Amino acid sequence: MEHGNTEHKTHSHGYGIYVLVWLALIALTSITVTVAGVDFGKLALPIALFIAAVKSALVINYFMHIKFEDPIFKVFLLLSGVTLLVIFILTFFDVFYR
């Protein structure tokens, strides 16, 4: 009794890439803490958000294995990110124009 296509793709990087991504996450966290301690004025928030976006991209791509998933998963992930961005923008407009 055959159940269709039983081929299963496995994508493994090996432990080396995971250690490198982990070290990058630690380095980016250290940079975030440093940015919080230095007075960058109005640039502090955009810098911290950019670093957080890079860290989340690393986690999503490597630890959550989205890099190797079907395109539909990437579309839904992008859609949820755009939805979150719209919510942030609407919230900022509400706060700035009160």
C-alpha atoms as a PDB file:
ATOM      1  CA  MET A   1       0.000   0.000   0.000  1.00  0.00           C
ATOM      2  CA  GLU A   2       1.666   3.180  -1.209  1.00  0.00           C
ATOM      3  CA  HIS A   3       0.820   6.588   0.241  1.00  0.00           C
ATOM      4  CA  GLY A   4       1.875   8.873  -2.569  1.00  0.00           C
ATOM      5  CA  ASN A   5       5.263  10.498  -2.605  1.00  0.00           C
ATOM      6  CA  THR A   6       7.154   9.503   0.546  1.00  0.00           C
ATOM      7  CA  GLU A   7      10.270  11.413  -0.373  1.00  0.00           C
ATOM      8  CA  HIS A   8      11.300  13.638   2.517  1.00  0.00           C
ATOM      9  CA  LYS A   9      13.897  16.344   2.097  1.00  0.00           C
ATOM     10  CA  THR A  10      16.284  16.928   4.951  1.00  0.00           C
ATOM     11  CA  HIS A  11      18.341  20.055   5.249  1.00  0.00           C
ATOM     12  CA  SER A  12      21.101  19.995   7.753  1.00  0.00           C
ATOM     13  CA  HIS A  13      23.875  22.507   8.107  1.00  0.00           C
ATOM     14  CA  GLY A  14      25.858  20.699  10.692  1.00  0.00           C
ATOM     15  CA  TYR A  15      26.712  22.130  14.071  1.00  0.00           C
ATOM     16  CA  GLY A  16      29.244  24.633  12.741  1.00  0.00           C
ATOM     17  CA  ILE A  17      26.694  26.976  11.170  1.00  0.00           C
ATOM     18  CA  TYR A  18      24.525  26.858  14.286  1.00  0.00           C
ATOM     19  CA  VAL A  19      27.479  27.830  16.458  1.00  0.00           C
ATOM     20  CA  LEU A  20      28.303  30.701  14.075  1.00  0.00           C
ATOM     21  CA  VAL A  21      24.719  31.948  14.130  1.00  0.00           C
ATOM     22  CA  TRP A  22      24.682  31.683  17.923  1.00  0.00           C
ATOM     23  CA  LEU A  23      27.908  33.684  18.147  1.00  0.00           C
ATOM     24  CA  ALA A  24      26.445  36.285  15.784  1.00  0.00           C
ATOM     25  CA  LEU A  25      23.366  36.537  18.000  1.00  0.00           C
ATOM     26  CA  ILE A  26      25.554  37.035  21.071  1.00  0.00           C
ATOM     27  CA  ALA A  27      27.599  39.684  19.261  1.00  0.00           C
ATOM     28  CA  LEU A  28      24.465  41.500  18.099  1.00  0.00           C
ATOM     29  CA  THR A  29      23.054  41.394  21.633  1.00  0.00           C
ATOM     30  CA  SER A  30      26.286  42.937  22.913  1.00  0.00           C
ATOM     31  CA  ILE A  31      26.033  45.644  20.258  1.00  0.00           C
ATOM     32  CA  THR A  32      22.435  46.319  21.320  1.00  0.00           C
ATOM     33  CA  VAL A  33      23.499  46.750  24.943  1.00  0.00           C
ATOM     34  CA  THR A  34      26.313  49.063  23.849  1.00  0.00           C
ATOM     35  CA  VAL A  35      23.933  51.145  21.719  1.00  0.00           C
ATOM     36  CA  ALA A  36      21.606  51.471  24.706  1.00  0.00           C
ATOM     37  CA  GLY A  37      24.476  52.833  26.824  1.00  0.00           C
ATOM     38  CA  VAL A  38      25.711  55.386  24.276  1.00  0.00           C
ATOM     39  CA  ASP A  39      23.733  58.565  23.588  1.00  0.00           C
ATOM     40  CA  PHE A  40      22.787  58.404  19.898  1.00  0.00           C
ATOM     41  CA  GLY A  41      19.830  60.727  20.347  1.00  0.00           C
ATOM     42  CA  LYS A  42      16.968  59.946  17.995  1.00  0.00           C
ATOM     43  CA  LEU A  43      19.017  57.306  16.158  1.00  0.00           C
ATOM     44  CA  ALA A  44      19.118  54.935  19.132  1.00  0.00           C
ATOM     45  CA  LEU A  45      15.698  53.426  18.458  1.00  0.00           C
ATOM     46  CA  PRO A  46      16.194  52.836  14.698  1.00  0.00           C
ATOM     47  CA  ILE A  47      19.612  51.283  15.361  1.00  0.00           C
ATOM     48  CA  ALA A  48      18.180  48.968  18.026  1.00  0.00           C
ATOM     49  CA  LEU A  49      15.262  48.006  15.774  1.00  0.00           C
ATOM     50  CA  PHE A  50      17.609  47.256  12.885  1.00  0.00           C
ATOM     51  CA  ILE A  51      19.761  45.014  15.085  1.00  0.00           C
ATOM     52  CA  ALA A  52      16.619  43.262  16.373  1.00  0.00           C
ATOM     53  CA  ALA A  53      15.454  42.687  12.784  1.00  0.00           C
ATOM     54  CA  VAL A  54      18.805  41.125  11.847  1.00  0.00           C
ATOM     55  CA  LYS A  55      18.689  38.886  14.919  1.00  0.00           C
ATOM     56  CA  SER A  56      15.141  37.773  14.183  1.00  0.00           C
ATOM     57  CA  ALA A  57      16.064  37.040  10.555  1.00  0.00           C
ATOM     58  CA  LEU A  58      18.911  34.814  11.727  1.00  0.00           C
ATOM     59  CA  VAL A  59      16.661  32.929  14.152  1.00  0.00           C
ATOM     60  CA  ILE A  60      13.863  32.529  11.622  1.00  0.00           C
ATOM     61  CA  ASN A  61      16.122  31.367   8.803  1.00  0.00           C
ATOM     62  CA  TYR A  62      18.440  29.016  10.646  1.00  0.00           C
ATOM     63  CA  PHE A  63      16.855  27.846  13.894  1.00  0.00           C
ATOM     64  CA  MET A  64      13.290  27.725  12.572  1.00  0.00           C
ATOM     65  CA  HIS A  65      14.480  26.333   9.191  1.00  0.00           C
ATOM     66  CA  ILE A  66      12.312  28.707   7.145  1.00  0.00           C
ATOM     67  CA  LYS A  67      15.192  29.060   4.710  1.00  0.00           C
ATOM     68  CA  PHE A  68      14.464  25.556   3.397  1.00  0.00           C
ATOM     69  CA  GLU A  69      10.671  25.525   3.556  1.00  0.00           C
ATOM     70  CA  ASP A  70       8.197  25.823   0.711  1.00  0.00           C
ATOM     71  CA  PRO A  71       7.556  29.315  -0.665  1.00  0.00           C
ATOM     72  CA  ILE A  72       4.047  29.417   0.844  1.00  0.00           C
ATOM     73  CA  PHE A  73       5.554  29.477   4.351  1.00  0.00           C
ATOM     74  CA  LYS A  74       7.728  32.412   3.350  1.00  0.00           C
ATOM     75  CA  VAL A  75       4.709  34.246   1.930  1.00  0.00           C
ATOM     76  CA  PHE A  76       2.732  33.834   5.145  1.00  0.00           C
ATOM     77  CA  LEU A  77       5.723  34.874   7.227  1.00  0.00           C
ATOM     78  CA  LEU A  78       6.128  37.981   5.077  1.00  0.00           C
ATOM     79  CA  LEU A  79       2.400  38.688   5.345  1.00  0.00           C
ATOM     80  CA  SER A  80       2.519  38.499   9.136  1.00  0.00           C
ATOM     81  CA  GLY A  81       5.558  40.799   9.176  1.00  0.00           C
ATOM     82  CA  VAL A  82       3.818  43.345   6.955  1.00  0.00           C
ATOM     83  CA  THR A  83       0.744  43.195   9.196  1.00  0.00           C
ATOM     84  CA  LEU A  84       2.910  43.853  12.245  1.00  0.00           C
ATOM     85  CA  LEU A  85       4.618  46.752  10.454  1.00  0.00           C
ATOM     86  CA  VAL A  86       1.238  48.312   9.594  1.00  0.00           C
ATOM     87  CA  ILE A  87       0.163  48.014  13.235  1.00  0.00           C
ATOM     88  CA  PHE A  88       3.394  49.713  14.350  1.00  0.00           C
ATOM     89  CA  ILE A  89       2.981  52.520  11.809  1.00  0.00           C
ATOM     90  CA  LEU A  90      -0.625  53.156  12.817  1.00  0.00           C
ATOM     91  CA  THR A  91       0.382  53.185  16.479  1.00  0.00           C
ATOM     92  CA  PHE A  92       3.204  55.668  15.822  1.00  0.00           C
ATOM     93  CA  PHE A  93       0.848  57.969  13.904  1.00  0.00           C
ATOM     94  CA  ASP A  94      -1.622  57.814  16.774  1.00  0.00           C
ATOM     95  CA  VAL A  95       1.051  58.697  19.329  1.00  0.00           C
ATOM     96  CA  PHE A  96       2.752  61.426  17.258  1.00  0.00           C
ATOM     97  CA  TYR A  97      -0.430  63.264  16.231  1.00  0.00           C
ATOM     98  CA  ARG A  98      -2.297  63.444  19.553  1.00  0.00           C
END
